[in-house]
Amino acid sequence: MIEALFLLKELGMVLTKTDTPGDILMHLKKVNLHTDKYPTRKHYPFNLDLFSTTRSLSFNSAVTFFVGENGSGKSTLLDAITRKCGIMMWQGIQRPRFKASPYEKDLYQAIDVVWQDKRVPGSYFGSHIFQNFAQLWDEWLTMDPGLIEYLGGKSLMSQSHGQSLMAFFTSRFKIKGIYFLDEPETALSPKSQVELLNLLQDMARSGHAQFIIASHSPILLACPGAGILSFDENPVRPIEYEDTKHYKIYKEFMADHTKFLHQN
């Protein structure tokens, strides 16, 4: 029980009197990349041109999306920023690409972050680690059933993957902080993605939460007022929703999906 509560505190999941909506819409203002601190230029992600030409990223909205093709570096930079912000990242699973590129996990040492006021707690979500968290959470419930109230009153493992994700998001985002999400749409149906979209909008309006999200979902990218940074550009730069490849491809596909299919 003590270990569970300690980890909850580390994850920023223990509510306090200060966890009420305030006037701050953003906590993190800027990220600077220091190319002179890169340990290599031959290995991923340091061999990507955008990591040589992008010197900083500014956050001007309560919700910011990182968009780009697979391998563009958006999730890698999201991980690095999370670590630099001092936010605990769930351990136990090492991404396969870390073995192929042992330098990737060192990117955080070559960046610095600029806070609006002071450092705030927060959390990191990655679909590749959530299942392990859900299983461990249910183990904690056997020791202290009262913990179930933290995540909506239901066991995470008793729900579908998508339902457990939304239960986690709905409870977690009520707490003041900064939230990093890596492709949260992975296990969500289109309907659930709309629910998450509305949740992001509501939490951003409340003034206590900031979100930085790597995503391929044109549904989530439609969040009103969100900033979108394209990792398909060199250097990384802001882009309008309708100009993203995600929006264009989905729009064209819905208009005439047959032209995307191989014809026999």
Protein backbone atom coordinates (compact mmCIF):
# COMPACT_ATOMS: atom_id res chain seq x y z
CA MET A 1 0.00 0.00 0.00
CA ILE A 2 2.80 2.44 0.91
CA GLU A 3 4.59 1.63 -2.34
CA ALA A 4 1.38 2.18 -4.31
CA LEU A 5 0.73 5.61 -2.78
CA PHE A 6 4.36 6.61 -3.28
CA LEU A 7 4.10 5.76 -6.96
CA LEU A 8 0.79 7.61 -7.21
CA LYS A 9 2.51 10.67 -5.80
CA GLU A 10 5.37 10.30 -8.25
CA LEU A 11 2.88 10.03 -11.11
CA GLY A 12 1.09 13.13 -9.81
CA MET A 13 -2.11 11.18 -9.16
CA VAL A 14 -2.73 12.22 -5.55
CA LEU A 15 -5.19 15.10 -5.39
CA THR A 16 -4.29 18.07 -3.21
CA LYS A 17 -5.95 21.36 -2.35
CA THR A 18 -4.02 23.03 -5.15
CA ASP A 19 -5.41 20.68 -7.79
CA THR A 20 -8.21 23.01 -8.79
CA PRO A 21 -8.54 24.94 -12.05
CA GLY A 22 -6.63 28.20 -12.14
CA ASP A 23 -5.80 30.93 -14.62
CA ILE A 24 -2.68 29.30 -16.12
CA LEU A 25 -3.35 27.89 -19.55
CA MET A 26 0.23 26.82 -20.18
CA HIS A 27 2.95 25.52 -17.93
CA LEU A 28 5.70 24.78 -20.45
CA LYS A 29 6.64 27.67 -22.75
CA LYS A 30 9.59 26.46 -24.78
CA VAL A 31 12.02 23.64 -25.50
CA ASN A 32 15.54 24.37 -26.74
CA LEU A 33 17.65 21.82 -28.61
CA HIS A 34 21.42 22.12 -28.23
CA THR A 35 23.01 20.50 -31.27
CA ASP A 36 26.50 20.92 -29.80
CA LYS A 37 25.55 18.42 -27.09
CA TYR A 38 24.52 15.64 -29.45
CA PRO A 39 26.57 12.49 -28.71
CA THR A 40 26.55 11.41 -32.36
CA ARG A 41 25.35 12.48 -35.81
CA LYS A 42 25.37 8.98 -37.30
CA HIS A 43 22.63 7.32 -35.27
CA TYR A 44 18.91 7.90 -34.79
CA PRO A 45 17.53 10.38 -33.88
CA PHE A 46 20.56 12.64 -34.22
CA ASN A 47 21.00 11.69 -37.88
CA LEU A 48 17.64 13.25 -38.79
CA ASP A 49 18.03 16.61 -40.52
CA LEU A 50 15.26 18.20 -38.47
CA PHE A 51 17.20 17.61 -35.27
CA SER A 52 20.09 19.58 -36.74
CA THR A 53 18.00 22.49 -38.01
CA THR A 54 15.36 22.76 -35.27
CA ARG A 55 16.75 24.88 -32.45
CA SER A 56 13.60 25.41 -30.40
CA LEU A 57 9.88 24.68 -30.10
CA SER A 58 7.45 27.18 -28.59
CA PHE A 59 4.14 26.24 -27.00
CA ASN A 60 1.44 28.86 -27.39
CA SER A 61 -1.65 26.74 -26.75
CA ALA A 62 -2.92 24.59 -23.91
CA VAL A 63 -2.97 21.68 -26.38
CA THR A 64 -0.11 21.07 -28.81
CA PHE A 65 0.16 18.18 -31.26
CA PHE A 66 3.29 16.67 -32.79
CA VAL A 67 2.44 15.27 -36.23
CA GLY A 68 4.55 13.49 -38.81
CA GLU A 69 5.24 10.18 -40.49
CA ASN A 70 6.49 7.18 -38.54
CA GLY A 71 10.17 7.61 -37.80
CA SER A 72 10.03 11.40 -38.04
CA GLY A 73 11.17 11.77 -34.42
CA LYS A 74 8.00 13.14 -32.81
CA SER A 75 7.60 10.39 -30.20
CA THR A 76 11.33 10.43 -29.51
CA LEU A 77 11.29 14.13 -28.75
CA LEU A 78 8.11 13.74 -26.69
CA ASP A 79 9.92 11.15 -24.54
CA ALA A 80 12.93 13.43 -24.15
CA ILE A 81 10.86 16.45 -23.09
CA THR A 82 9.00 14.31 -20.57
CA ARG A 83 12.26 13.17 -19.00
CA LYS A 84 13.66 16.70 -18.97
CA CYS A 85 10.54 17.90 -17.15
CA GLY A 86 11.34 15.43 -14.39
CA ILE A 87 8.22 13.36 -14.97
CA MET A 88 8.39 9.69 -14.10
CA MET A 89 8.10 7.38 -17.09
CA TRP A 90 6.77 3.90 -16.48
CA GLN A 91 9.63 1.42 -16.57
CA GLY A 92 9.75 -2.27 -17.43
CA ILE A 93 9.37 -2.16 -21.19
CA GLN A 94 12.18 -1.03 -23.41
CA ARG A 95 11.19 -0.10 -26.93
CA PRO A 96 12.86 -2.36 -29.51
CA ARG A 97 14.37 0.62 -31.30
CA PHE A 98 16.34 1.52 -28.15
CA LYS A 99 18.38 -1.62 -28.78
CA ALA A 100 18.98 -0.62 -32.39
CA SER A 101 19.75 2.98 -31.44
CA PRO A 102 21.16 3.15 -27.91
CA TYR A 103 21.63 6.92 -28.27
CA GLU A 104 17.91 7.69 -28.53
CA LYS A 105 17.32 7.66 -24.79
CA ASP A 106 20.06 10.30 -24.35
CA LEU A 107 18.28 13.02 -26.33
CA TYR A 108 16.90 14.62 -23.15
CA GLN A 109 20.44 15.53 -22.12
CA ALA A 110 20.76 17.79 -25.17
CA ILE A 111 17.63 19.87 -24.50
CA ASP A 112 16.41 22.30 -21.89
CA VAL A 113 12.90 23.43 -21.02
CA VAL A 114 11.52 26.86 -20.13
CA TRP A 115 8.58 27.01 -17.72
CA GLN A 116 5.95 29.73 -17.66
CA ASP A 117 6.20 30.07 -13.90
CA LYS A 118 7.58 27.03 -12.15
CA ARG A 119 7.86 23.32 -12.77
CA VAL A 120 4.59 21.42 -12.36
CA PRO A 121 3.93 17.69 -11.95
CA GLY A 122 2.38 15.67 -14.71
CA SER A 123 2.40 12.31 -16.40
CA TYR A 124 3.36 10.47 -19.55
CA PHE A 125 1.04 8.12 -21.40
CA GLY A 126 2.18 5.57 -23.96
CA SER A 127 -0.13 2.87 -25.25
CA HIS A 128 2.78 0.39 -25.23
CA ILE A 129 3.04 0.61 -21.42
CA PHE A 130 -0.54 1.23 -20.31
CA GLN A 131 -1.50 -2.45 -20.17
CA ASN A 132 1.27 -3.13 -17.67
CA PHE A 133 0.09 -0.20 -15.56
CA ALA A 134 -3.51 -1.46 -15.64
CA GLN A 135 -2.45 -4.93 -14.50
CA LEU A 136 -0.35 -3.57 -11.64
CA TRP A 137 -3.13 -1.18 -10.65
CA ASP A 138 -5.52 -4.10 -10.22
CA GLU A 139 -2.95 -5.90 -8.08
CA TRP A 140 -2.83 -2.85 -5.80
CA LEU A 141 -6.63 -2.99 -5.50
CA THR A 142 -6.38 -6.40 -3.85
CA MET A 143 -4.35 -4.76 -1.06
CA ASP A 144 -6.46 -1.62 -0.78
CA PRO A 145 -9.86 -1.63 -2.54
CA GLY A 146 -10.24 2.07 -1.69
CA LEU A 147 -7.73 2.95 -4.41
CA ILE A 148 -10.39 2.16 -6.99
CA GLU A 149 -11.88 5.62 -6.44
CA TYR A 150 -8.84 7.24 -8.05
CA LEU A 151 -9.83 5.96 -11.48
CA GLY A 152 -13.59 6.18 -11.59
CA GLY A 153 -14.65 3.34 -9.30
CA LYS A 154 -14.00 0.43 -11.68
CA SER A 155 -11.18 -2.04 -12.17
CA LEU A 156 -9.21 -1.14 -15.31
CA MET A 157 -8.83 -4.79 -16.29
CA SER A 158 -12.59 -5.38 -16.05
CA GLN A 159 -13.14 -2.92 -18.90
CA SER A 160 -12.17 -3.02 -22.55
CA HIS A 161 -8.85 -1.46 -23.43
CA GLY A 162 -10.56 1.62 -24.84
CA GLN A 163 -12.88 1.96 -21.84
CA SER A 164 -10.02 1.66 -19.37
CA LEU A 165 -8.07 4.32 -21.28
CA MET A 166 -10.96 6.78 -21.12
CA ALA A 167 -11.48 6.03 -17.41
CA PHE A 168 -7.82 6.78 -16.80
CA PHE A 169 -7.85 9.98 -18.89
CA THR A 170 -11.06 11.30 -17.35
CA SER A 171 -9.74 10.91 -13.80
CA ARG A 172 -6.13 11.87 -14.43
CA PHE A 173 -6.70 15.09 -16.37
CA LYS A 174 -8.67 16.68 -13.55
CA ILE A 175 -5.38 17.21 -11.72
CA LYS A 176 -3.29 20.30 -12.35
CA GLY A 177 -0.23 19.54 -14.45
CA ILE A 178 1.31 18.88 -17.83
CA TYR A 179 0.42 15.76 -19.77
CA PHE A 180 2.45 14.04 -22.46
CA LEU A 181 0.58 11.51 -24.60
CA ASP A 182 2.09 9.29 -27.26
CA GLU A 183 -0.56 8.24 -29.80
CA PRO A 184 -3.45 7.92 -27.31
CA GLU A 185 -5.80 7.06 -30.17
CA THR A 186 -4.19 3.64 -30.69
CA ALA A 187 -6.85 1.62 -28.86
CA LEU A 188 -9.73 4.07 -29.18
CA SER A 189 -12.67 3.76 -31.56
CA PRO A 190 -13.64 6.89 -33.55
CA LYS A 191 -16.43 7.51 -31.03
CA SER A 192 -13.98 7.27 -28.11
CA GLN A 193 -11.58 9.57 -29.94
CA VAL A 194 -14.36 12.17 -30.09
CA GLU A 195 -14.86 11.70 -26.34
CA LEU A 196 -11.15 12.28 -25.78
CA LEU A 197 -11.25 15.31 -28.09
CA ASN A 198 -14.02 16.86 -25.99
CA LEU A 199 -12.19 15.98 -22.78
CA LEU A 200 -9.03 17.72 -24.03
CA GLN A 201 -11.06 20.78 -24.96
CA ASP A 202 -12.81 20.89 -21.58
CA MET A 203 -9.59 20.42 -19.60
CA ALA A 204 -7.78 23.07 -21.67
CA ARG A 205 -10.61 25.54 -21.01
CA SER A 206 -10.45 24.86 -17.27
CA GLY A 207 -7.03 26.49 -17.16
CA HIS A 208 -5.16 23.90 -15.09
CA ALA A 209 -3.84 21.45 -17.66
CA GLN A 210 -1.48 21.54 -20.63
CA PHE A 211 -1.19 18.74 -23.18
CA ILE A 212 1.58 17.82 -25.61
CA ILE A 213 0.49 14.94 -27.80
CA ALA A 214 2.07 12.91 -30.59
CA SER A 215 -0.79 11.75 -32.79
CA HIS A 216 -1.89 10.50 -36.20
CA SER A 217 -5.60 11.05 -35.49
CA PRO A 218 -7.35 13.69 -37.62
CA ILE A 219 -10.15 13.56 -35.04
CA LEU A 220 -7.90 14.62 -32.15
CA LEU A 221 -6.03 17.11 -34.34
CA ALA A 222 -9.33 18.98 -34.79
CA CYS A 223 -9.17 20.20 -31.17
CA PRO A 224 -10.20 23.90 -31.28
CA GLY A 225 -7.35 26.27 -30.56
CA ALA A 226 -4.70 23.56 -30.54
CA GLY A 227 -1.25 24.17 -31.94
CA ILE A 228 0.11 21.65 -34.45
CA LEU A 229 3.84 21.20 -35.06
CA SER A 230 4.79 19.27 -38.18
CA PHE A 231 7.77 16.93 -37.99
CA ASP A 232 7.51 16.41 -41.74
CA GLU A 233 8.97 19.90 -42.13
CA ASN A 234 12.61 20.83 -41.74
CA PRO A 235 12.92 22.51 -39.32
CA VAL A 236 9.83 21.60 -37.33
CA ARG A 237 7.23 24.33 -37.78
CA PRO A 238 3.58 25.14 -36.98
CA ILE A 239 0.99 23.98 -39.49
CA GLU A 240 -2.75 24.49 -39.91
CA TYR A 241 -5.09 21.57 -39.33
CA GLU A 242 -6.36 21.50 -42.93
CA ASP A 243 -2.76 21.48 -44.21
CA THR A 244 -1.72 18.34 -42.35
CA LYS A 245 -1.21 15.20 -44.40
CA HIS A 246 -3.49 13.38 -41.98
CA TYR A 247 -6.44 15.65 -42.74
CA LYS A 248 -5.82 15.66 -46.50
CA ILE A 249 -5.48 11.88 -46.81
CA TYR A 250 -8.57 11.13 -44.73
CA LYS A 251 -10.60 13.74 -46.61
CA GLU A 252 -9.58 12.33 -49.99
CA PHE A 253 -10.16 8.76 -48.81
CA MET A 254 -13.68 9.52 -47.60
CA ALA A 255 -14.50 11.37 -50.82
CA ASP A 256 -13.42 8.44 -53.00
CA HIS A 257 -11.76 5.50 -51.28
CA THR A 258 -11.52 3.47 -54.49
CA LYS A 259 -8.68 5.56 -55.87
CA PHE A 260 -6.50 4.46 -52.95
CA LEU A 261 -7.02 0.76 -53.70
CA HIS A 262 -4.87 -1.33 -56.01
CA GLN A 263 -6.86 -2.20 -59.10
CA ASN A 264 -6.64 -5.74 -60.45
